[in-house]
Amino acid sequence: MKQEQAARIARTMTGSILDTSDIVKQVNDVTKNTRQIIGIKVHQVVKEYKLPFHKTFPLVRNNFNKIAIEHNIDPAVVFWVYMDWRYENYK
């Protein structure tokens, strides 16, 4: 998937108003350590519901916002980072 497509999906899912290039830049600026931290935080919240992600996301969307604030990034970036983390850890 192209970065522009990933940014559009993340923006749509989170309701972000950040433009594509800013989302891509923020994603590229997230360190490997921070990616791991975000991935684990989001995954812990998602696991609590014991539902597939597409059913859980509307219930945990506010947690994406809280994690974004903690890391001074946009919620779309949290979404993208989590999707990457999930892919890498659950292939």
PDB file of N, CA and C in Angstrom:
ATOM      1  N   MET A   1       0.846  -1.171   0.000  1.00  0.00           N
ATOM      2  CA  MET A   1       0.000   0.000   0.000  1.00  0.00           C
ATOM      3  C   MET A   1       0.895   1.239   0.000  1.00  0.00           C
ATOM      4  N   LYS A   2       0.508   2.215  -0.778  1.00  0.00           N
ATOM      5  CA  LYS A   2       1.262   3.469  -0.827  1.00  0.00           C
ATOM      6  C   LYS A   2       1.012   4.282   0.437  1.00  0.00           C
ATOM      7  N   GLN A   3       1.992   5.108   0.787  1.00  0.00           N
ATOM      8  CA  GLN A   3       1.865   5.926   1.990  1.00  0.00           C
ATOM      9  C   GLN A   3       0.647   6.842   1.928  1.00  0.00           C
ATOM     10  N   GLU A   4       0.356   7.382   0.768  1.00  0.00           N
ATOM     11  CA  GLU A   4      -0.785   8.281   0.632  1.00  0.00           C
ATOM     12  C   GLU A   4      -2.091   7.546   0.932  1.00  0.00           C
ATOM     13  N   GLN A   5      -2.184   6.301   0.475  1.00  0.00           N
ATOM     14  CA  GLN A   5      -3.377   5.497   0.745  1.00  0.00           C
ATOM     15  C   GLN A   5      -3.501   5.205   2.238  1.00  0.00           C
ATOM     16  N   ALA A   6      -2.391   4.832   2.852  1.00  0.00           N
ATOM     17  CA  ALA A   6      -2.395   4.537   4.287  1.00  0.00           C
ATOM     18  C   ALA A   6      -2.804   5.771   5.083  1.00  0.00           C
ATOM     19  N   ALA A   7      -2.308   6.931   4.682  1.00  0.00           N
ATOM     20  CA  ALA A   7      -2.654   8.181   5.372  1.00  0.00           C
ATOM     21  C   ALA A   7      -4.146   8.478   5.234  1.00  0.00           C
ATOM     22  N   ARG A   8      -4.698   8.274   4.047  1.00  0.00           N
ATOM     23  CA  ARG A   8      -6.131   8.523   3.837  1.00  0.00           C
ATOM     24  C   ARG A   8      -6.981   7.581   4.695  1.00  0.00           C
ATOM     25  N   ILE A   9      -6.585   6.321   4.749  1.00  0.00           N
ATOM     26  CA  ILE A   9      -7.327   5.353   5.565  1.00  0.00           C
ATOM     27  C   ILE A   9      -7.264   5.743   7.034  1.00  0.00           C
ATOM     28  N   ALA A  10      -6.072   6.064   7.511  1.00  0.00           N
ATOM     29  CA  ALA A  10      -5.899   6.447   8.919  1.00  0.00           C
ATOM     30  C   ALA A  10      -6.702   7.705   9.238  1.00  0.00           C
ATOM     31  N   ARG A  11      -6.683   8.667   8.333  1.00  0.00           N
ATOM     32  CA  ARG A  11      -7.436   9.915   8.533  1.00  0.00           C
ATOM     33  C   ARG A  11      -8.939   9.620   8.576  1.00  0.00           C
ATOM     34  N   THR A  12      -9.415   8.794   7.672  1.00  0.00           N
ATOM     35  CA  THR A  12     -10.834   8.451   7.620  1.00  0.00           C
ATOM     36  C   THR A  12     -11.274   7.719   8.888  1.00  0.00           C
ATOM     37  N   MET A  13     -10.478   6.772   9.324  1.00  0.00           N
ATOM     38  CA  MET A  13     -10.835   5.978  10.502  1.00  0.00           C
ATOM     39  C   MET A  13     -10.861   6.812  11.781  1.00  0.00           C
ATOM     40  N   THR A  14      -9.956   7.771  11.884  1.00  0.00           N
ATOM     41  CA  THR A  14      -9.829   8.532  13.132  1.00  0.00           C
ATOM     42  C   THR A  14     -10.525   9.881  13.105  1.00  0.00           C
ATOM     43  N   GLY A  15     -10.938  10.331  11.927  1.00  0.00           N
ATOM     44  CA  GLY A  15     -11.542  11.651  11.821  1.00  0.00           C
ATOM     45  C   GLY A  15     -10.523  12.774  11.862  1.00  0.00           C
ATOM     46  N   SER A  16      -9.278  12.443  11.625  1.00  0.00           N
ATOM     47  CA  SER A  16      -8.205  13.440  11.648  1.00  0.00           C
ATOM     48  C   SER A  16      -8.412  14.477  10.549  1.00  0.00           C
ATOM     49  N   ILE A  17      -7.945  15.696  10.817  1.00  0.00           N
ATOM     50  CA  ILE A  17      -7.992  16.747   9.798  1.00  0.00           C
ATOM     51  C   ILE A  17      -6.596  17.063   9.264  1.00  0.00           C
ATOM     52  N   LEU A  18      -5.601  16.327   9.740  1.00  0.00           N
ATOM     53  CA  LEU A  18      -4.228  16.529   9.281  1.00  0.00           C
ATOM     54  C   LEU A  18      -4.117  16.112   7.819  1.00  0.00           C
ATOM     55  N   ASP A  19      -3.364  16.866   7.025  1.00  0.00           N
ATOM     56  CA  ASP A  19      -3.255  16.488   5.618  1.00  0.00           C
ATOM     57  C   ASP A  19      -2.288  15.317   5.440  1.00  0.00           C
ATOM     58  N   THR A  20      -2.375  14.697   4.286  1.00  0.00           N
ATOM     59  CA  THR A  20      -1.631  13.478   3.987  1.00  0.00           C
ATOM     60  C   THR A  20      -0.142  13.623   4.233  1.00  0.00           C
ATOM     61  N   SER A  21       0.456  14.692   3.731  1.00  0.00           N
ATOM     62  CA  SER A  21       1.910  14.844   3.871  1.00  0.00           C
ATOM     63  C   SER A  21       2.326  14.979   5.333  1.00  0.00           C
ATOM     64  N   ASP A  22       1.503  15.632   6.154  1.00  0.00           N
ATOM     65  CA  ASP A  22       1.826  15.765   7.576  1.00  0.00           C
ATOM     66  C   ASP A  22       1.677  14.434   8.315  1.00  0.00           C
ATOM     67  N   ILE A  23       0.690  13.653   7.939  1.00  0.00           N
ATOM     68  CA  ILE A  23       0.536  12.323   8.541  1.00  0.00           C
ATOM     69  C   ILE A  23       1.750  11.469   8.206  1.00  0.00           C
ATOM     70  N   VAL A  24       2.132  11.453   6.936  1.00  0.00           N
ATOM     71  CA  VAL A  24       3.291  10.665   6.506  1.00  0.00           C
ATOM     72  C   VAL A  24       4.543  11.112   7.249  1.00  0.00           C
ATOM     73  N   LYS A  25       4.740  12.422   7.373  1.00  0.00           N
ATOM     74  CA  LYS A  25       5.924  12.937   8.068  1.00  0.00           C
ATOM     75  C   LYS A  25       5.924  12.495   9.522  1.00  0.00           C
ATOM     76  N   GLN A  26       4.783  12.628  10.194  1.00  0.00           N
ATOM     77  CA  GLN A  26       4.722  12.217  11.599  1.00  0.00           C
ATOM     78  C   GLN A  26       4.978  10.721  11.755  1.00  0.00           C
ATOM     79  N   VAL A  27       4.416   9.917  10.872  1.00  0.00           N
ATOM     80  CA  VAL A  27       4.646   8.468  10.940  1.00  0.00           C
ATOM     81  C   VAL A  27       6.132   8.172  10.774  1.00  0.00           C
ATOM     82  N   ASN A  28       6.760   8.822   9.813  1.00  0.00           N
ATOM     83  CA  ASN A  28       8.186   8.590   9.573  1.00  0.00           C
ATOM     84  C   ASN A  28       9.056   9.056  10.732  1.00  0.00           C
ATOM     85  N   ASP A  29       8.566  10.010  11.513  1.00  0.00           N
ATOM     86  CA  ASP A  29       9.328  10.539  12.648  1.00  0.00           C
ATOM     87  C   ASP A  29       9.176   9.708  13.927  1.00  0.00           C
ATOM     88  N   VAL A  30       8.227   8.792  13.959  1.00  0.00           N
ATOM     89  CA  VAL A  30       8.019   7.973  15.158  1.00  0.00           C
ATOM     90  C   VAL A  30       9.155   6.952  15.265  1.00  0.00           C
ATOM     91  N   THR A  31       9.822   6.944  16.418  1.00  0.00           N
ATOM     92  CA  THR A  31      10.950   6.031  16.613  1.00  0.00           C
ATOM     93  C   THR A  31      10.468   4.589  16.765  1.00  0.00           C
ATOM     94  N   LYS A  32      11.391   3.672  16.574  1.00  0.00           N
ATOM     95  CA  LYS A  32      11.074   2.254  16.710  1.00  0.00           C
ATOM     96  C   LYS A  32      10.569   1.948  18.123  1.00  0.00           C
ATOM     97  N   ASN A  33      11.204   2.530  19.118  1.00  0.00           N
ATOM     98  CA  ASN A  33      10.796   2.319  20.507  1.00  0.00           C
ATOM     99  C   ASN A  33       9.377   2.847  20.747  1.00  0.00           C
ATOM    100  N   THR A  34       9.090   4.031  20.246  1.00  0.00           N
ATOM    101  CA  THR A  34       7.753   4.611  20.414  1.00  0.00           C
ATOM    102  C   THR A  34       6.709   3.786  19.675  1.00  0.00           C
ATOM    103  N   ARG A  35       7.057   3.258  18.511  1.00  0.00           N
ATOM    104  CA  ARG A  35       6.138   2.389  17.770  1.00  0.00           C
ATOM    105  C   ARG A  35       5.759   1.170  18.612  1.00  0.00           C
ATOM    106  N   GLN A  36       6.753   0.607  19.267  1.00  0.00           N
ATOM    107  CA  GLN A  36       6.509  -0.563  20.109  1.00  0.00           C
ATOM    108  C   GLN A  36       5.601  -0.200  21.289  1.00  0.00           C
ATOM    109  N   ILE A  37       5.876   0.920  21.915  1.00  0.00           N
ATOM    110  CA  ILE A  37       5.070   1.371  23.053  1.00  0.00           C
ATOM    111  C   ILE A  37       3.623   1.603  22.627  1.00  0.00           C
ATOM    112  N   ILE A  38       3.435   2.309  21.521  1.00  0.00           N
ATOM    113  CA  ILE A  38       2.084   2.586  21.016  1.00  0.00           C
ATOM    114  C   ILE A  38       1.378   1.286  20.652  1.00  0.00           C
ATOM    115  N   GLY A  39       2.073   0.412  19.953  1.00  0.00           N
ATOM    116  CA  GLY A  39       1.476  -0.862  19.555  1.00  0.00           C
ATOM    117  C   GLY A  39       0.967  -1.653  20.742  1.00  0.00           C
ATOM    118  N   ILE A  40       1.785  -1.743  21.767  1.00  0.00           N
ATOM    119  CA  ILE A  40       1.400  -2.496  22.962  1.00  0.00           C
ATOM    120  C   ILE A  40       0.231  -1.823  23.679  1.00  0.00           C
ATOM    121  N   LYS A  41       0.281  -0.498  23.835  1.00  0.00           N
ATOM    122  CA  LYS A  41      -0.809   0.219  24.516  1.00  0.00           C
ATOM    123  C   LYS A  41      -2.141   0.003  23.806  1.00  0.00           C
ATOM    124  N   VAL A  42      -2.141   0.202  22.503  1.00  0.00           N
ATOM    125  CA  VAL A  42      -3.387   0.055  21.746  1.00  0.00           C
ATOM    126  C   VAL A  42      -3.864  -1.392  21.803  1.00  0.00           C
ATOM    127  N   HIS A  43      -2.943  -2.319  21.642  1.00  0.00           N
ATOM    128  CA  HIS A  43      -3.326  -3.730  21.619  1.00  0.00           C
ATOM    129  C   HIS A  43      -3.945  -4.172  22.948  1.00  0.00           C
ATOM    130  N   GLN A  44      -3.419  -3.665  24.052  1.00  0.00           N
ATOM    131  CA  GLN A  44      -3.991  -3.997  25.362  1.00  0.00           C
ATOM    132  C   GLN A  44      -5.445  -3.539  25.454  1.00  0.00           C
ATOM    133  N   VAL A  45      -5.718  -2.353  24.946  1.00  0.00           N
ATOM    134  CA  VAL A  45      -7.085  -1.826  24.971  1.00  0.00           C
ATOM    135  C   VAL A  45      -7.986  -2.661  24.062  1.00  0.00           C
ATOM    136  N   VAL A  46      -7.507  -2.973  22.871  1.00  0.00           N
ATOM    137  CA  VAL A  46      -8.296  -3.741  21.903  1.00  0.00           C
ATOM    138  C   VAL A  46      -8.607  -5.137  22.450  1.00  0.00           C
ATOM    139  N   LYS A  47      -7.623  -5.777  23.065  1.00  0.00           N
ATOM    140  CA  LYS A  47      -7.804  -7.141  23.588  1.00  0.00           C
ATOM    141  C   LYS A  47      -8.884  -7.224  24.659  1.00  0.00           C
ATOM    142  N   GLU A  48      -9.079  -6.156  25.401  1.00  0.00           N
ATOM    143  CA  GLU A  48     -10.076  -6.165  26.474  1.00  0.00           C
ATOM    144  C   GLU A  48     -11.481  -6.490  25.961  1.00  0.00           C
ATOM    145  N   TYR A  49     -11.764  -6.146  24.727  1.00  0.00           N
ATOM    146  CA  TYR A  49     -13.109  -6.338  24.178  1.00  0.00           C
ATOM    147  C   TYR A  49     -13.337  -7.726  23.591  1.00  0.00           C
ATOM    148  N   LYS A  50     -12.278  -8.442  23.317  1.00  0.00           N
ATOM    149  CA  LYS A  50     -12.378  -9.802  22.774  1.00  0.00           C
ATOM    150  C   LYS A  50     -13.269  -9.855  21.532  1.00  0.00           C
ATOM    151  N   LEU A  51     -13.105  -8.848  20.684  1.00  0.00           N
ATOM    152  CA  LEU A  51     -13.842  -8.760  19.423  1.00  0.00           C
ATOM    153  C   LEU A  51     -12.850  -8.492  18.300  1.00  0.00           C
ATOM    154  N   PRO A  52     -13.234  -8.772  17.057  1.00  0.00           N
ATOM    155  CA  PRO A  52     -12.366  -8.397  15.942  1.00  0.00           C
ATOM    156  C   PRO A  52     -12.144  -6.882  15.932  1.00  0.00           C
ATOM    157  N   PHE A  53     -11.004  -6.463  15.401  1.00  0.00           N
ATOM    158  CA  PHE A  53     -10.640  -5.052  15.445  1.00  0.00           C
ATOM    159  C   PHE A  53     -11.704  -4.154  14.826  1.00  0.00           C
ATOM    160  N   HIS A  54     -12.277  -4.554  13.693  1.00  0.00           N
ATOM    161  CA  HIS A  54     -13.260  -3.685  13.030  1.00  0.00           C
ATOM    162  C   HIS A  54     -14.498  -3.453  13.905  1.00  0.00           C
ATOM    163  N   LYS A  55     -14.778  -4.367  14.824  1.00  0.00           N
ATOM    164  CA  LYS A  55     -15.896  -4.164  15.747  1.00  0.00           C
ATOM    165  C   LYS A  55     -15.453  -3.422  17.005  1.00  0.00           C
ATOM    166  N   THR A  56     -14.193  -3.568  17.352  1.00  0.00           N
ATOM    167  CA  THR A  56     -13.657  -2.927  18.552  1.00  0.00           C
ATOM    168  C   THR A  56     -13.347  -1.459  18.324  1.00  0.00           C
ATOM    169  N   PHE A  57     -12.895  -1.107  17.121  1.00  0.00           N
ATOM    170  CA  PHE A  57     -12.394   0.248  16.893  1.00  0.00           C
ATOM    171  C   PHE A  57     -13.360   1.350  17.324  1.00  0.00           C
ATOM    172  N   PRO A  58     -14.642   1.286  16.965  1.00  0.00           N
ATOM    173  CA  PRO A  58     -15.536   2.368  17.414  1.00  0.00           C
ATOM    174  C   PRO A  58     -15.582   2.509  18.940  1.00  0.00           C
ATOM    175  N   LEU A  59     -15.340   1.415  19.641  1.00  0.00           N
ATOM    176  CA  LEU A  59     -15.374   1.436  21.105  1.00  0.00           C
ATOM    177  C   LEU A  59     -14.089   1.995  21.716  1.00  0.00           C
ATOM    178  N   VAL A  60     -12.988   1.898  20.982  1.00  0.00           N
ATOM    179  CA  VAL A  60     -11.682   2.311  21.534  1.00  0.00           C
ATOM    180  C   VAL A  60     -11.117   3.560  20.864  1.00  0.00           C
ATOM    181  N   ARG A  61     -11.875   4.153  19.993  1.00  0.00           N
ATOM    182  CA  ARG A  61     -11.384   5.321  19.246  1.00  0.00           C
ATOM    183  C   ARG A  61     -10.870   6.424  20.169  1.00  0.00           C
ATOM    184  N   ASN A  62     -11.542   6.665  21.276  1.00  0.00           N
ATOM    185  CA  ASN A  62     -11.087   7.696  22.217  1.00  0.00           C
ATOM    186  C   ASN A  62      -9.722   7.371  22.798  1.00  0.00           C
ATOM    187  N   ASN A  63      -9.422   6.083  22.951  1.00  0.00           N
ATOM    188  CA  ASN A  63      -8.103   5.697  23.441  1.00  0.00           C
ATOM    189  C   ASN A  63      -7.011   6.087  22.448  1.00  0.00           C
ATOM    190  N   PHE A  64      -7.310   6.026  21.159  1.00  0.00           N
ATOM    191  CA  PHE A  64      -6.350   6.464  20.147  1.00  0.00           C
ATOM    192  C   PHE A  64      -6.036   7.938  20.362  1.00  0.00           C
ATOM    193  N   ASN A  65      -7.067   8.721  20.659  1.00  0.00           N
ATOM    194  CA  ASN A  65      -6.867  10.151  20.900  1.00  0.00           C
ATOM    195  C   ASN A  65      -6.003  10.386  22.136  1.00  0.00           C
ATOM    196  N   LYS A  66      -6.259   9.642  23.211  1.00  0.00           N
ATOM    197  CA  LYS A  66      -5.468   9.791  24.437  1.00  0.00           C
ATOM    198  C   LYS A  66      -4.003   9.421  24.204  1.00  0.00           C
ATOM    199  N   ILE A  67      -3.775   8.334  23.492  1.00  0.00           N
ATOM    200  CA  ILE A  67      -2.405   7.904  23.201  1.00  0.00           C
ATOM    201  C   ILE A  67      -1.719   8.925  22.304  1.00  0.00           C
ATOM    202  N   ALA A  68      -2.459   9.488  21.366  1.00  0.00           N
ATOM    203  CA  ALA A  68      -1.900  10.523  20.487  1.00  0.00           C
ATOM    204  C   ALA A  68      -1.444  11.727  21.305  1.00  0.00           C
ATOM    205  N   ILE A  69      -2.262  12.134  22.265  1.00  0.00           N
ATOM    206  CA  ILE A  69      -1.901  13.272  23.119  1.00  0.00           C
ATOM    207  C   ILE A  69      -0.648  12.947  23.930  1.00  0.00           C
ATOM    208  N   GLU A  70      -0.581  11.741  24.485  1.00  0.00           N
ATOM    209  CA  GLU A  70       0.590  11.326  25.269  1.00  0.00           C
ATOM    210  C   GLU A  70       1.884  11.428  24.465  1.00  0.00           C
ATOM    211  N   HIS A  71       1.797  11.131  23.169  1.00  0.00           N
ATOM    212  CA  HIS A  71       2.991  11.087  22.323  1.00  0.00           C
ATOM    213  C   HIS A  71       3.123  12.302  21.403  1.00  0.00           C
ATOM    214  N   ASN A  72       2.228  13.263  21.594  1.00  0.00           N
ATOM    215  CA  ASN A  72       2.259  14.505  20.813  1.00  0.00           C
ATOM    216  C   ASN A  72       2.228  14.243  19.301  1.00  0.00           C
ATOM    217  N   ILE A  73       1.325  13.350  18.909  1.00  0.00           N
ATOM    218  CA  ILE A  73       1.131  13.031  17.497  1.00  0.00           C
ATOM    219  C   ILE A  73      -0.368  13.001  17.212  1.00  0.00           C
ATOM    220  N   ASP A  74      -0.706  12.938  15.953  1.00  0.00           N
ATOM    221  CA  ASP A  74      -2.100  12.900  15.528  1.00  0.00           C
ATOM    222  C   ASP A  74      -2.680  11.490  15.715  1.00  0.00           C
ATOM    223  N   PRO A  75      -3.975  11.375  16.025  1.00  0.00           N
ATOM    224  CA  PRO A  75      -4.593  10.053  16.148  1.00  0.00           C
ATOM    225  C   PRO A  75      -4.445   9.191  14.888  1.00  0.00           C
ATOM    226  N   ALA A  76      -4.418   9.811  13.722  1.00  0.00           N
ATOM    227  CA  ALA A  76      -4.215   9.046  12.489  1.00  0.00           C
ATOM    228  C   ALA A  76      -2.858   8.355  12.496  1.00  0.00           C
ATOM    229  N   VAL A  77      -1.876   8.994  13.093  1.00  0.00           N
ATOM    230  CA  VAL A  77      -0.537   8.413  13.192  1.00  0.00           C
ATOM    231  C   VAL A  77      -0.568   7.219  14.147  1.00  0.00           C
ATOM    232  N   VAL A  78      -1.292   7.349  15.245  1.00  0.00           N
ATOM    233  CA  VAL A  78      -1.443   6.228  16.180  1.00  0.00           C
ATOM    234  C   VAL A  78      -2.092   5.051  15.460  1.00  0.00           C
ATOM    235  N   PHE A  79      -3.132   5.317  14.695  1.00  0.00           N
ATOM    236  CA  PHE A  79      -3.816   4.255  13.949  1.00  0.00           C
ATOM    237  C   PHE A  79      -2.849   3.561  12.998  1.00  0.00           C
ATOM    238  N   TRP A  80      -2.120   4.341  12.209  1.00  0.00           N
ATOM    239  CA  TRP A  80      -1.180   3.798  11.233  1.00  0.00           C
ATOM    240  C   TRP A  80      -0.093   2.992  11.934  1.00  0.00           C
ATOM    241  N   VAL A  81       0.485   3.548  12.992  1.00  0.00           N
ATOM    242  CA  VAL A  81       1.546   2.863  13.731  1.00  0.00           C
ATOM    243  C   VAL A  81       1.021   1.543  14.303  1.00  0.00           C
ATOM    244  N   TYR A  82      -0.192   1.560  14.834  1.00  0.00           N
ATOM    245  CA  TYR A  82      -0.760   0.323  15.377  1.00  0.00           C
ATOM    246  C   TYR A  82      -0.983  -0.710  14.276  1.00  0.00           C
ATOM    247  N   MET A  83      -1.500  -0.293  13.147  1.00  0.00           N
ATOM    248  CA  MET A  83      -1.713  -1.237  12.053  1.00  0.00           C
ATOM    249  C   MET A  83      -0.383  -1.863  11.611  1.00  0.00           C
ATOM    250  N   ASP A  84       0.664  -1.057  11.518  1.00  0.00           N
ATOM    251  CA  ASP A  84       1.998  -1.581  11.181  1.00  0.00           C
ATOM    252  C   ASP A  84       2.490  -2.538  12.261  1.00  0.00           C
ATOM    253  N   TRP A  85       2.331  -2.138  13.522  1.00  0.00           N
ATOM    254  CA  TRP A  85       2.777  -2.962  14.646  1.00  0.00           C
ATOM    255  C   TRP A  85       2.047  -4.305  14.644  1.00  0.00           C
ATOM    256  N   ARG A  86       0.754  -4.229  14.439  1.00  0.00           N
ATOM    257  CA  ARG A  86      -0.055  -5.451  14.426  1.00  0.00           C
ATOM    258  C   ARG A  86       0.375  -6.382  13.294  1.00  0.00           C
ATOM    259  N   TYR A  87       0.628  -5.828  12.126  1.00  0.00           N
ATOM    260  CA  TYR A  87       1.080  -6.634  10.992  1.00  0.00           C
ATOM    261  C   TYR A  87       2.411  -7.307  11.321  1.00  0.00           C
ATOM    262  N   GLU A  88       3.339  -6.554  11.883  1.00  0.00           N
ATOM    263  CA  GLU A  88       4.664  -7.092  12.197  1.00  0.00           C
ATOM    264  C   GLU A  88       4.622  -8.146  13.298  1.00  0.00           C
ATOM    265  N   ASN A  89       3.702  -8.028  14.218  1.00  0.00           N
ATOM    266  CA  ASN A  89       3.662  -8.932  15.365  1.00  0.00           C
ATOM    267  C   ASN A  89       2.681 -10.089  15.225  1.00  0.00           C
ATOM    268  N   TYR A  90       1.794 -10.025  14.248  1.00  0.00           N
ATOM    269  CA  TYR A  90       0.790 -11.076  14.082  1.00  0.00           C
ATOM    270  C   TYR A  90       0.669 -11.523  12.636  1.00  0.00           C
ATOM    271  N   LYS A  91       1.799 -11.752  11.999  1.00  0.00           N
ATOM    272  CA  LYS A  91       1.808 -12.216  10.598  1.00  0.00           C
ATOM    273  C   LYS A  91       1.269 -13.618  10.514  1.00  0.00           C
TER     274      LYS A  91
END
